[in-house]
Amino acid sequence: MKLVVDVISDVICPWCYIGKRRLEKAIAALDSQHEVQVHWHPFQLNPAMPKEGISRKEYRTRKFGSWERSMELDAKVIAVGKSEGINFAFDKTIRTPNTVDAHRLIWLADQHRCQDAVVEALFRAYFTDGWNISDRETIIDVGAEVGLDQQAVETMLNSDQGMDVIAEAGELSQRHGVTGVPFFIINNSLTLSGAQEPDTFLDAFRQAVGKDSTSR
């Protein structure tokens, strides 16, 4: 039985990274009779973010009222991340980036069947290595890391390629009433909001399979 999981996500959302790990655990727990395809769709948490991004400290202080409150929230995410094998290193992250080009790279990777690898590499670059993923050279380096042709990435960056996908993803989010990410759509029928536990994903998978079998 085929399962298609559409994931609406932003690469600067730590809970999207955690949700990815939990989804992977659920998929790994399925028996071999089920084929799962995962497709990543862009969501911009900060659509008005300047192209060069802004200071993370400035952004988080403005968003949460104080830097101390921001660090409290970071500590909670770090603890959850450790339980999922993710090493969040927020102390390395200097800027909150604009994510448009990162999402365009994910779109390009989909054309070359390495979308999941690029999503993983972007999460790791931002959350573990502290890279500025709104920087052009960083985008090129991430693409090269997973085997994308450098010239193809540069051509994309010098054009409007992938921008229509961002617009289409916005329409997808509107149809499903998405106000936060991660958001998961299973077989275009069942939805899950947030970084759910693996068992919740497995329950949703079973429901989706049941729906498909009864509709035949």
Protein backbone atom coordinates (compact mmCIF):
# COMPACT_ATOMS: atom_id res chain seq x y z
CA MET A 1 0.00 0.00 0.00
CA LYS A 2 1.33 3.43 -0.95
CA LEU A 3 1.36 6.27 1.54
CA VAL A 4 2.09 9.84 0.45
CA VAL A 5 3.06 12.31 3.15
CA ASP A 6 3.12 15.98 2.24
CA VAL A 7 5.05 18.01 4.80
CA ILE A 8 4.56 21.75 5.08
CA SER A 9 7.63 23.10 6.82
CA ASP A 10 10.12 25.92 7.26
CA VAL A 11 13.83 25.15 7.58
CA ILE A 12 14.27 27.54 10.53
CA CYS A 13 11.57 25.81 12.59
CA PRO A 14 13.19 23.51 15.18
CA TRP A 15 9.95 21.59 15.67
CA CYS A 16 9.96 20.82 11.95
CA TYR A 17 13.36 19.15 12.42
CA ILE A 18 12.02 17.22 15.41
CA GLY A 19 8.90 16.31 13.43
CA LYS A 20 11.09 14.99 10.62
CA ARG A 21 12.87 12.65 13.03
CA ARG A 22 9.60 11.38 14.49
CA LEU A 23 8.11 10.85 11.04
CA GLU A 24 11.22 8.86 10.06
CA LYS A 25 10.83 6.66 13.14
CA ALA A 26 7.20 5.96 12.23
CA ILE A 27 8.12 5.09 8.64
CA ALA A 28 10.89 2.78 9.86
CA ALA A 29 8.35 0.97 12.07
CA LEU A 30 6.08 0.14 9.14
CA ASP A 31 6.22 -3.28 7.53
CA SER A 32 7.66 -3.70 4.06
CA GLN A 33 4.20 -3.87 2.46
CA HIS A 34 3.90 -0.09 2.67
CA GLU A 35 5.73 2.29 0.38
CA VAL A 36 5.99 5.81 1.79
CA GLN A 37 6.74 8.88 -0.31
CA VAL A 38 7.51 12.13 1.52
CA HIS A 39 7.23 15.49 -0.24
CA TRP A 40 8.37 18.75 1.34
CA HIS A 41 6.47 21.99 0.77
CA PRO A 42 7.63 25.50 1.74
CA PHE A 43 6.19 27.65 4.48
CA GLN A 44 7.68 31.01 5.45
CA LEU A 45 7.44 31.76 9.13
CA ASN A 46 8.77 35.24 8.36
CA PRO A 47 7.62 36.19 4.85
CA ALA A 48 8.64 39.84 5.38
CA MET A 49 12.17 38.94 6.50
CA PRO A 50 14.85 41.02 4.71
CA LYS A 51 16.77 38.96 2.16
CA GLU A 52 19.94 39.13 4.26
CA GLY A 53 18.08 38.15 7.45
CA ILE A 54 18.45 39.91 10.82
CA SER A 55 20.24 39.32 14.10
CA ARG A 56 18.74 36.28 15.82
CA LYS A 57 19.03 37.96 19.21
CA GLU A 58 17.17 41.01 17.95
CA TYR A 59 14.50 38.89 16.26
CA ARG A 60 13.92 36.57 19.22
CA THR A 61 13.90 39.39 21.76
CA ARG A 62 11.28 41.21 19.72
CA LYS A 63 9.21 38.04 19.27
CA PHE A 64 9.29 36.75 22.86
CA GLY A 65 9.69 39.94 24.84
CA SER A 66 13.16 39.28 26.20
CA TRP A 67 16.35 37.40 25.36
CA GLU A 68 16.03 35.50 28.65
CA ARG A 69 12.63 34.14 27.61
CA SER A 70 14.09 33.15 24.24
CA MET A 71 16.89 31.20 25.93
CA GLU A 72 14.37 29.44 28.18
CA LEU A 73 12.47 28.26 25.11
CA ASP A 74 15.71 27.25 23.38
CA ALA A 75 16.66 25.11 26.38
CA LYS A 76 13.38 23.20 26.14
CA VAL A 77 13.89 22.56 22.43
CA ILE A 78 17.49 21.46 23.04
CA ALA A 79 16.28 18.87 25.57
CA VAL A 80 13.65 17.47 23.20
CA GLY A 81 16.16 17.50 20.35
CA LYS A 82 18.62 15.38 22.33
CA SER A 83 15.94 12.73 22.80
CA GLU A 84 15.56 12.61 19.01
CA GLY A 85 19.29 12.58 18.25
CA ILE A 86 19.44 16.24 17.19
CA ASN A 87 22.16 18.50 18.53
CA PHE A 88 20.61 21.96 18.51
CA ALA A 89 23.40 24.53 18.86
CA PHE A 90 21.52 27.82 19.05
CA ASP A 91 24.59 29.56 20.47
CA LYS A 92 26.20 29.23 17.01
CA THR A 93 23.27 30.82 15.18
CA ILE A 94 23.95 34.52 14.67
CA ARG A 95 21.22 35.42 12.18
CA THR A 96 17.60 34.54 11.58
CA PRO A 97 17.58 34.12 7.80
CA ASN A 98 15.20 34.70 4.96
CA THR A 99 14.35 31.17 3.79
CA VAL A 100 13.18 31.75 0.21
CA ASP A 101 16.38 30.50 -1.44
CA ALA A 102 16.57 27.52 0.93
CA HIS A 103 13.05 26.54 -0.13
CA ARG A 104 14.00 26.98 -3.77
CA LEU A 105 16.95 24.64 -3.21
CA ILE A 106 14.54 22.05 -1.78
CA TRP A 107 12.40 22.47 -4.91
CA LEU A 108 15.47 21.95 -7.14
CA ALA A 109 16.46 18.88 -5.15
CA ASP A 110 13.04 17.39 -5.79
CA GLN A 111 13.77 17.54 -9.52
CA HIS A 112 16.90 15.44 -8.86
CA ARG A 113 15.28 13.03 -6.38
CA CYS A 114 17.35 14.13 -3.40
CA GLN A 115 14.82 16.39 -1.68
CA ASP A 116 14.95 14.69 1.71
CA ALA A 117 18.75 14.85 1.76
CA VAL A 118 18.69 18.58 1.08
CA VAL A 119 16.06 19.19 3.77
CA GLU A 120 18.24 17.27 6.24
CA ALA A 121 21.37 19.16 5.17
CA LEU A 122 19.65 22.54 5.56
CA PHE A 123 18.34 21.67 9.02
CA ARG A 124 21.79 20.50 10.08
CA ALA A 125 23.52 23.55 8.56
CA TYR A 126 21.27 25.96 10.42
CA PHE A 127 20.61 24.24 13.72
CA THR A 128 23.85 22.34 14.34
CA ASP A 129 26.52 24.21 12.39
CA GLY A 130 25.11 27.72 12.77
CA TRP A 131 25.37 28.55 9.06
CA ASN A 132 23.52 31.48 7.54
CA ILE A 133 21.18 29.69 5.12
CA SER A 134 20.10 32.93 3.48
CA ASP A 135 23.65 33.32 2.20
CA ARG A 136 24.14 32.44 -1.46
CA GLU A 137 27.42 30.57 -0.96
CA THR A 138 25.88 28.54 1.86
CA ILE A 139 23.02 27.48 -0.42
CA ILE A 140 25.54 26.41 -3.07
CA ASP A 141 27.61 24.50 -0.49
CA VAL A 142 24.56 22.66 0.87
CA GLY A 143 23.53 21.69 -2.64
CA ALA A 144 27.03 20.43 -3.44
CA GLU A 145 27.10 18.45 -0.18
CA VAL A 146 24.24 16.24 -1.39
CA GLY A 147 25.49 15.99 -4.96
CA LEU A 148 23.57 18.71 -6.77
CA ASP A 149 25.38 20.29 -9.69
CA GLN A 150 26.83 23.64 -8.62
CA GLN A 151 26.00 25.25 -11.93
CA ALA A 152 22.37 24.14 -11.63
CA VAL A 153 22.14 25.72 -8.18
CA GLU A 154 23.76 28.95 -9.37
CA THR A 155 21.42 29.10 -12.38
CA MET A 156 18.45 28.74 -10.06
CA LEU A 157 19.73 31.47 -7.73
CA ASN A 158 20.19 33.82 -10.68
CA SER A 159 16.61 33.27 -11.87
CA ASP A 160 13.06 33.05 -10.55
CA GLN A 161 13.04 29.24 -10.63
CA GLY A 162 11.07 27.75 -7.77
CA MET A 163 9.22 30.94 -6.87
CA ASP A 164 5.98 29.60 -8.32
CA VAL A 165 6.28 26.55 -6.04
CA ILE A 166 6.42 28.84 -3.02
CA ALA A 167 3.22 30.54 -4.19
CA GLU A 168 1.52 27.18 -4.81
CA ALA A 169 2.54 25.98 -1.36
CA GLY A 170 0.93 29.08 0.11
CA GLU A 171 -2.32 28.08 -1.56
CA LEU A 172 -1.94 24.52 -0.20
CA SER A 173 -1.50 25.92 3.31
CA GLN A 174 -4.57 28.12 2.90
CA ARG A 175 -6.72 25.19 1.77
CA HIS A 176 -5.81 23.23 4.88
CA GLY A 177 -5.96 26.20 7.24
CA VAL A 178 -2.28 25.93 8.17
CA THR A 179 -1.20 28.58 10.66
CA GLY A 180 1.88 26.84 12.04
CA VAL A 181 4.37 24.17 11.08
CA PRO A 182 5.18 21.35 10.81
CA PHE A 183 1.93 20.24 9.18
CA PHE A 184 1.48 16.80 7.64
CA ILE A 185 -1.04 15.69 4.99
CA ILE A 186 -1.35 11.93 4.57
CA ASN A 187 -2.76 10.54 1.32
CA ASN A 188 -4.33 13.94 0.70
CA SER A 189 -6.98 13.23 3.33
CA LEU A 190 -5.71 12.98 6.91
CA THR A 191 -3.82 15.84 8.53
CA LEU A 192 -1.60 16.17 11.57
CA SER A 193 -0.38 19.43 13.04
CA GLY A 194 2.83 19.70 15.05
CA ALA A 195 5.78 17.42 15.76
CA GLN A 196 3.68 14.42 16.71
CA GLU A 197 5.06 11.28 18.34
CA PRO A 198 5.82 8.29 16.06
CA ASP A 199 2.80 6.36 17.38
CA THR A 200 0.50 9.19 16.29
CA PHE A 201 1.92 9.01 12.78
CA LEU A 202 1.48 5.23 12.75
CA ASP A 203 -2.17 5.57 13.80
CA ALA A 204 -2.72 8.08 10.99
CA PHE A 205 -1.01 5.74 8.51
CA ARG A 206 -3.36 2.92 9.52
CA GLN A 207 -6.39 5.17 9.15
CA ALA A 208 -5.22 6.27 5.69
CA VAL A 209 -4.69 2.68 4.59
CA GLY A 210 -8.12 1.77 5.92
CA LYS A 211 -9.75 4.63 4.03
CA ASP A 212 -8.04 3.63 0.79
CA SER A 213 -9.05 -0.02 1.13
CA THR A 214 -12.71 0.74 1.86
CA SER A 215 -12.98 3.21 -1.04
CA ARG A 216 -12.06 0.53 -3.58
